[in-house]
């Protein structure tokens, strides 16, 4: 039997955290290994493609083509420890406040599955939904959790858990989240530069 539940949805990059997880992890790797530098010409090409097709998958994968499973294993823990300090000061309290109000609180982000769950483990979300990467190929998407795909992955999660989701509030910093924001009763837009709520 399906149960209707009030859902509060948070984005991560730029909403709860000051910087983009994917890009920051790439920078972290560039500072610690030679391999990323060998892929710099490819990264430059991907950056150009991004300007013409911001919703594309190819450039996202190409920018991260230098990543290997061993690099994630070696650099991931240190990056996670460092990146936790990039979260906005209000974020954990707000998540706790929404949970205390009896809402089901979920995180939906384009960040990869080998980083995001560990980054927010202490925040105690009811569910963490993110981009699924191909096993052994941390640069390649199995499922890109971005744009309208955020609604799809939420519906997939809700169906699996026999939930009829009523999104009462959604937090984001980016217009790319409009498909998810439009189904929420309340849209909370965050300024990714300051971490403060934008005025309507």
Protein backbone atom coordinates (compact mmCIF):
# COMPACT_ATOMS: atom_id res chain seq x y z
CA UNK A 1 0.00 0.00 0.00
CA UNK A 2 1.33 3.43 -0.96
CA UNK A 3 1.71 6.05 1.79
CA UNK A 4 1.62 9.78 1.14
CA UNK A 5 4.51 11.62 2.80
CA UNK A 6 5.61 15.23 3.05
CA UNK A 7 9.05 15.49 1.47
CA UNK A 8 11.69 18.20 1.78
CA UNK A 9 14.38 18.10 -0.91
CA UNK A 10 17.86 19.61 -0.73
CA UNK A 11 20.40 20.08 -3.49
CA UNK A 12 24.04 19.91 -2.36
CA UNK A 13 26.56 21.82 -4.49
CA UNK A 14 25.99 25.55 -4.10
CA UNK A 15 23.02 24.95 -1.81
CA UNK A 16 24.38 23.22 1.29
CA UNK A 17 28.02 23.48 0.27
CA UNK A 18 29.96 26.41 -1.16
CA UNK A 19 31.70 24.64 -4.03
CA UNK A 20 31.00 22.02 -6.68
CA UNK A 21 32.05 18.57 -5.47
CA UNK A 22 33.08 17.26 -8.89
CA UNK A 23 35.24 20.25 -9.75
CA UNK A 24 36.78 20.48 -6.30
CA UNK A 25 37.73 16.80 -6.34
CA UNK A 26 39.32 17.28 -9.77
CA UNK A 27 41.39 20.19 -8.40
CA UNK A 28 42.33 18.07 -5.39
CA UNK A 29 43.65 15.35 -7.71
CA UNK A 30 45.54 17.84 -9.91
CA UNK A 31 47.44 19.03 -6.84
CA UNK A 32 48.46 15.51 -5.87
CA UNK A 33 49.09 13.49 -9.01
CA UNK A 34 50.76 13.76 -12.43
CA UNK A 35 48.12 11.81 -14.35
CA UNK A 36 45.48 14.60 -14.46
CA UNK A 37 47.97 16.99 -16.09
CA UNK A 38 48.46 14.56 -18.99
CA UNK A 39 44.74 14.92 -19.75
CA UNK A 40 44.76 18.74 -19.70
CA UNK A 41 44.31 19.16 -23.50
CA UNK A 42 41.24 16.90 -23.33
CA UNK A 43 39.89 18.90 -20.39
CA UNK A 44 40.28 22.09 -22.42
CA UNK A 45 38.28 20.62 -25.32
CA UNK A 46 35.56 19.52 -22.92
CA UNK A 47 35.39 23.02 -21.44
CA UNK A 48 34.72 24.44 -24.91
CA UNK A 49 32.00 21.87 -25.61
CA UNK A 50 30.42 22.75 -22.26
CA UNK A 51 29.81 26.33 -23.44
CA UNK A 52 27.66 25.08 -26.32
CA UNK A 53 25.97 22.15 -24.55
CA UNK A 54 25.78 22.79 -20.79
CA UNK A 55 23.36 19.91 -20.27
CA UNK A 56 25.60 17.39 -22.03
CA UNK A 57 27.11 14.21 -20.62
CA UNK A 58 30.12 13.89 -22.94
CA UNK A 59 32.00 16.92 -21.63
CA UNK A 60 31.30 15.96 -18.01
CA UNK A 61 32.83 12.53 -18.56
CA UNK A 62 35.70 13.87 -20.64
CA UNK A 63 36.70 16.44 -18.00
CA UNK A 64 37.05 13.60 -15.50
CA UNK A 65 38.55 11.02 -17.85
CA UNK A 66 41.80 11.07 -15.87
CA UNK A 67 40.11 9.60 -12.81
CA UNK A 68 40.80 5.99 -11.89
CA UNK A 69 39.37 3.76 -9.19
CA UNK A 70 42.77 3.79 -7.46
CA UNK A 71 42.79 7.61 -7.39
CA UNK A 72 39.35 7.69 -5.79
CA UNK A 73 40.50 5.15 -3.20
CA UNK A 74 43.72 7.09 -2.50
CA UNK A 75 42.44 10.67 -2.54
CA UNK A 76 38.77 10.28 -1.65
CA UNK A 77 39.05 10.12 2.16
CA UNK A 78 41.27 13.20 2.41
CA UNK A 79 39.06 15.15 0.05
CA UNK A 80 35.90 14.24 1.94
CA UNK A 81 37.45 15.38 5.22
CA UNK A 82 38.47 18.69 3.63
CA UNK A 83 35.27 19.31 1.67
CA UNK A 84 33.05 18.86 4.71
CA UNK A 85 34.43 22.21 5.88
CA UNK A 86 32.91 23.85 2.80
CA UNK A 87 29.35 23.29 3.99
CA UNK A 88 27.40 26.41 4.91
CA UNK A 89 27.03 26.86 8.66
CA UNK A 90 23.24 26.69 8.64
CA UNK A 91 22.95 23.53 6.54
CA UNK A 92 23.11 20.78 9.18
CA UNK A 93 20.78 22.70 11.51
CA UNK A 94 18.22 23.22 8.75
CA UNK A 95 18.22 19.55 7.79
CA UNK A 96 17.75 18.63 11.48
CA UNK A 97 14.94 21.19 11.80
CA UNK A 98 13.07 19.74 8.81
CA UNK A 99 13.42 16.21 10.20
CA UNK A 100 12.28 17.34 13.65
CA UNK A 101 9.14 18.74 12.02
CA UNK A 102 8.30 15.22 10.88
CA UNK A 103 9.23 15.62 7.23
CA UNK A 104 11.05 13.04 5.16
CA UNK A 105 14.25 14.81 4.14
CA UNK A 106 16.14 13.74 1.05
CA UNK A 107 19.23 14.98 -0.77
CA UNK A 108 19.27 14.91 -4.58
CA UNK A 109 22.52 15.93 -6.24
CA UNK A 110 24.56 15.53 -9.41
CA UNK A 111 27.60 14.72 -7.25
CA UNK A 112 29.00 11.19 -7.67
CA UNK A 113 28.11 8.17 -5.58
CA UNK A 114 31.72 7.59 -4.52
CA UNK A 115 31.85 10.96 -2.70
CA UNK A 116 28.45 12.35 -1.74
CA UNK A 117 27.08 9.72 0.69
CA UNK A 118 30.27 9.94 2.78
CA UNK A 119 30.25 13.74 2.62
CA UNK A 120 26.81 13.99 4.24
CA UNK A 121 26.68 10.86 6.39
CA UNK A 122 26.58 12.95 9.58
CA UNK A 123 23.58 14.99 8.36
CA UNK A 124 21.26 11.98 8.61
CA UNK A 125 19.18 12.37 5.46
CA UNK A 126 16.39 9.85 4.98
CA UNK A 127 17.78 9.24 1.50
CA UNK A 128 20.78 10.42 -0.52
CA UNK A 129 20.21 10.24 -4.28
CA UNK A 130 23.07 11.15 -6.59
CA UNK A 131 24.77 10.39 -9.88
CA UNK A 132 25.57 6.72 -10.27
CA UNK A 133 28.97 6.03 -11.77
CA UNK A 134 30.10 2.93 -13.66
CA UNK A 135 31.88 0.53 -11.33
CA UNK A 136 35.64 0.83 -11.82
CA UNK A 137 35.23 3.88 -14.10
CA UNK A 138 34.64 6.86 -11.78
CA UNK A 139 34.61 9.25 -14.74
CA UNK A 140 31.72 7.52 -16.54
CA UNK A 141 28.04 8.03 -15.73
CA UNK A 142 25.62 5.18 -15.39
CA UNK A 143 22.98 7.79 -14.44
CA UNK A 144 23.48 11.56 -14.35
CA UNK A 145 21.34 12.96 -11.54
CA UNK A 146 20.86 16.43 -13.03
CA UNK A 147 17.96 18.54 -14.29
CA UNK A 148 14.77 16.57 -14.93
CA UNK A 149 16.60 13.38 -13.93
CA UNK A 150 16.34 14.55 -10.32
CA UNK A 151 12.56 14.18 -10.54
CA UNK A 152 12.95 10.77 -12.16
CA UNK A 153 15.29 9.48 -9.46
CA UNK A 154 12.99 10.79 -6.71
CA UNK A 155 10.02 9.02 -8.29
CA UNK A 156 12.12 5.84 -8.59
CA UNK A 157 13.05 6.05 -4.90
CA UNK A 158 9.44 6.81 -3.87
CA UNK A 159 8.04 3.87 -5.82
CA UNK A 160 10.62 1.51 -4.34
CA UNK A 161 9.66 2.66 -0.84
CA UNK A 162 5.90 2.67 -1.52
CA UNK A 163 5.70 6.44 -1.02
CA UNK A 164 3.53 9.03 -2.74
CA UNK A 165 5.79 12.08 -2.40
CA UNK A 166 4.33 15.50 -1.64
CA UNK A 167 7.25 17.91 -1.99
CA UNK A 168 6.44 20.69 0.42
CA UNK A 169 9.78 22.47 0.09
CA UNK A 170 12.82 22.29 -2.16
CA UNK A 171 16.19 24.01 -1.69
CA UNK A 172 18.48 24.82 -4.62
CA UNK A 173 20.91 27.39 -5.99
CA UNK A 174 20.56 26.55 -9.69
CA UNK A 175 17.94 27.02 -12.40
CA UNK A 176 18.93 23.56 -13.66
CA UNK A 177 16.85 22.28 -10.73
CA UNK A 178 13.70 23.98 -12.01
CA UNK A 179 11.94 20.66 -12.85
CA UNK A 180 12.26 19.66 -9.19
CA UNK A 181 11.56 23.13 -7.81
CA UNK A 182 8.36 23.47 -9.86
CA UNK A 183 6.72 20.49 -8.15
CA UNK A 184 7.45 21.88 -4.66
CA UNK A 185 4.92 23.93 -2.70
CA UNK A 186 7.74 26.26 -1.65
CA UNK A 187 10.92 27.08 -3.54
CA UNK A 188 13.91 28.12 -1.43
CA UNK A 189 16.64 29.62 -3.62
CA UNK A 190 20.12 29.87 -2.13
CA UNK A 191 22.88 32.24 -3.22
CA UNK A 192 25.85 29.95 -3.79
CA UNK A 193 28.28 32.83 -3.15
CA UNK A 194 26.96 33.74 0.31
CA UNK A 195 24.96 30.70 1.38
CA UNK A 196 22.04 33.03 2.14
CA UNK A 197 18.47 32.68 0.96
CA UNK A 198 17.74 34.79 -2.12
CA UNK A 199 14.86 37.24 -1.91
CA UNK A 200 11.89 36.39 -4.12
